C-alpha atoms as a PDB file:
ATOM      1  CA  MET A   1      66.973  77.066-268.620  1.00  0.00           C
ATOM      2  CA  ILE A   2      65.498  78.881-265.761  1.00  0.00           C
ATOM      3  CA  ARG A   3      63.112  76.082-265.237  1.00  0.00           C
ATOM      4  CA  ALA A   4      65.988  73.564-265.140  1.00  0.00           C
ATOM      5  CA  ALA A   5      67.985  75.509-262.515  1.00  0.00           C
ATOM      6  CA  LEU A   6      64.535  75.995-260.355  1.00  0.00           C
ATOM      7  CA  ALA A   7      63.708  72.207-260.610  1.00  0.00           C
ATOM      8  CA  ALA A   8      67.427  71.388-259.592  1.00  0.00           C
ATOM      9  CA  LEU A   9      67.243  73.628-256.792  1.00  0.00           C
ATOM     10  CA  VAL A  10      63.620  72.510-255.582  1.00  0.00           C
ATOM     11  CA  LEU A  11      65.017  68.805-255.829  1.00  0.00           C
ATOM     12  CA  SER A  12      68.052  69.554-253.656  1.00  0.00           C
ATOM     13  CA  VAL A  13      66.036  71.315-250.847  1.00  0.00           C
ATOM     14  CA  ALA A  14      64.025  68.552-250.803  1.00  0.00           C
ATOM     15  CA  ALA A  15      66.923  65.998-250.639  1.00  0.00           C
ATOM     16  CA  CYS A  16      67.974  67.867-247.466  1.00  0.00           C
ATOM     17  CA  ALA A  17      64.562  67.757-245.836  1.00  0.00           C
ATOM     18  CA  GLN A  18      64.762  64.234-245.774  1.00  0.00           C
ATOM     19  CA  THR A  19      64.931  62.417-242.235  1.00  0.00           C
ATOM     20  CA  PRO A  20      67.854  60.220-242.023  1.00  0.00           C
ATOM     21  CA  PRO A  21      67.235  56.551-241.319  1.00  0.00           C
ATOM     22  CA  ALA A  22      66.778  55.507-237.451  1.00  0.00           C
ATOM     23  CA  SER A  23      70.007  53.921-235.938  1.00  0.00           C
ATOM     24  CA  PRO A  24      69.623  50.342-235.263  1.00  0.00           C
ATOM     25  CA  PRO A  25      69.219  49.349-231.583  1.00  0.00           C
ATOM     26  CA  GLN A  26      72.299  49.310-229.401  1.00  0.00           C
ATOM     27  CA  THR A  27      73.377  45.951-228.222  1.00  0.00           C
ATOM     28  CA  ALA A  28      75.262  45.399-224.814  1.00  0.00           C
ATOM     29  CA  GLU A  29      78.419  44.670-226.897  1.00  0.00           C
ATOM     30  CA  ASP A  30      78.164  48.159-228.608  1.00  0.00           C
ATOM     31  CA  ALA A  31      77.524  49.924-225.312  1.00  0.00           C
ATOM     32  CA  THR A  32      80.770  48.237-223.673  1.00  0.00           C
ATOM     33  CA  ALA A  33      82.819  49.129-226.855  1.00  0.00           C
ATOM     34  CA  GLN A  34      81.691  52.558-226.536  1.00  0.00           C
ATOM     35  CA  ASP A  35      82.454  52.809-222.886  1.00  0.00           C
ATOM     36  CA  ALA A  36      86.257  51.171-223.166  1.00  0.00           C
ATOM     37  CA  CYS A  37      87.375  53.709-220.847  1.00  0.00           C
ATOM     38  CA  GLY A  38      84.976  53.098-218.076  1.00  0.00           C
ATOM     39  CA  ALA A  39      83.087  56.609-218.455  1.00  0.00           C
ATOM     40  CA  ALA A  40      80.023  54.790-216.864  1.00  0.00           C
ATOM     41  CA  ARG A  41      81.577  54.551-213.543  1.00  0.00           C
ATOM     42  CA  PHE A  42      82.535  58.311-213.457  1.00  0.00           C
ATOM     43  CA  ALA A  43      78.906  59.376-214.757  1.00  0.00           C
ATOM     44  CA  SER A  44      78.072  61.110-211.231  1.00  0.00           C
ATOM     45  CA  LEU A  45      80.669  63.636-212.239  1.00  0.00           C
ATOM     46  CA  VAL A  46      78.647  65.177-214.959  1.00  0.00           C
ATOM     47  CA  GLY A  47      77.057  68.467-213.634  1.00  0.00           C
ATOM     48  CA  SER A  48      79.576  68.946-210.719  1.00  0.00           C
ATOM     49  CA  PRO A  49      82.277  71.845-210.706  1.00  0.00           C
ATOM     50  CA  ALA A  50      85.645  70.562-212.430  1.00  0.00           C
ATOM     51  CA  ALA A  51      87.368  72.185-209.758  1.00  0.00           C
ATOM     52  CA  GLN A  52      86.291  69.780-207.158  1.00  0.00           C
ATOM     53  CA  ILE A  53      87.339  66.671-209.109  1.00  0.00           C
ATOM     54  CA  ASP A  54      89.892  64.497-207.068  1.00  0.00           C
ATOM     55  CA  ARG A  55      92.189  63.356-209.663  1.00  0.00           C
ATOM     56  CA  ALA A  56      93.263  60.715-207.418  1.00  0.00           C
ATOM     57  CA  THR A  57      90.273  58.449-208.019  1.00  0.00           C
ATOM     58  CA  LEU A  58      90.623  59.000-211.986  1.00  0.00           C
ATOM     59  CA  PRO A  59      92.128  56.412-214.367  1.00  0.00           C
ATOM     60  CA  ALA A  60      95.715  57.210-215.069  1.00  0.00           C
ATOM     61  CA  ARG A  61      95.361  58.784-218.665  1.00  0.00           C
ATOM     62  CA  THR A  62      92.261  60.964-217.971  1.00  0.00           C
ATOM     63  CA  ARG A  63      92.196  64.307-219.529  1.00  0.00           C
ATOM     64  CA  ILE A  64      90.303  67.121-218.112  1.00  0.00           C
ATOM     65  CA  ILE A  65      89.332  69.362-221.130  1.00  0.00           C
ATOM     66  CA  THR A  66      88.364  73.054-220.160  1.00  0.00           C
ATOM     67  CA  PRO A  67      87.143  75.458-223.061  1.00  0.00           C
ATOM     68  CA  ASP A  68      89.782  76.474-225.521  1.00  0.00           C
ATOM     69  CA  MET A  69      92.293  73.882-224.290  1.00  0.00           C
ATOM     70  CA  MET A  70      94.489  72.473-227.098  1.00  0.00           C
ATOM     71  CA  VAL A  71      94.384  68.745-227.011  1.00  0.00           C
ATOM     72  CA  THR A  72      96.244  65.917-229.231  1.00  0.00           C
ATOM     73  CA  GLN A  73      94.177  64.467-231.746  1.00  0.00           C
ATOM     74  CA  ASP A  74      95.387  60.959-231.283  1.00  0.00           C
ATOM     75  CA  PHE A  75      92.623  58.123-230.685  1.00  0.00           C
ATOM     76  CA  SER A  76      92.672  56.189-227.647  1.00  0.00           C
ATOM     77  CA  PRO A  77      89.442  54.469-226.735  1.00  0.00           C
ATOM     78  CA  GLU A  78      90.940  53.620-223.284  1.00  0.00           C
ATOM     79  CA  ARG A  79      91.386  56.977-222.526  1.00  0.00           C
ATOM     80  CA  LEU A  80      88.734  58.912-220.169  1.00  0.00           C
ATOM     81  CA  ASN A  81      88.005  62.589-221.321  1.00  0.00           C
ATOM     82  CA  ILE A  82      86.396  64.797-219.041  1.00  0.00           C
ATOM     83  CA  ILE A  83      84.646  67.438-221.083  1.00  0.00           C
ATOM     84  CA  VAL A  84      83.950  70.884-219.144  1.00  0.00           C
ATOM     85  CA  GLY A  85      81.848  73.634-220.302  1.00  0.00           C
ATOM     86  CA  THR A  86      82.176  77.509-220.038  1.00  0.00           C
ATOM     87  CA  ASP A  87      80.603  77.552-216.540  1.00  0.00           C
ATOM     88  CA  GLY A  88      83.126  75.151-214.929  1.00  0.00           C
ATOM     89  CA  ARG A  89      81.019  72.299-214.519  1.00  0.00           C
ATOM     90  CA  VAL A  90      81.603  68.795-216.192  1.00  0.00           C
ATOM     91  CA  GLY A  91      79.558  68.644-219.273  1.00  0.00           C
ATOM     92  CA  SER A  92      80.163  65.106-220.322  1.00  0.00           C
ATOM     93  CA  LEU A  93      82.586  62.212-220.565  1.00  0.00           C
ATOM     94  CA  ARG A  94      83.891  60.508-223.362  1.00  0.00           C
ATOM     95  CA  CYS A  95      86.176  57.906-224.445  1.00  0.00           C
ATOM     96  CA  PHE A  96      88.906  58.906-227.049  1.00  0.00           C
END
């Protein structure tokens, strides 16, 4: 019984250690679908202080999300979300 439990443990650890399969190369259509909110146009904001963002230049439904800020979980791929890090700088741009 101990051998069976040990064998099961070894197999489960081995299964966790396997590398995931490589993702297929991204096509231009996939990239366009992932950038439905136009995040690529605002890529220069990454790394800049969030306080200096001119909101007038952003799309209408853009959210600037700061740490510990509560946001709705509704999915809208056309909405630009600017994610701000704890240092007050823009960390990433995402469409959701």
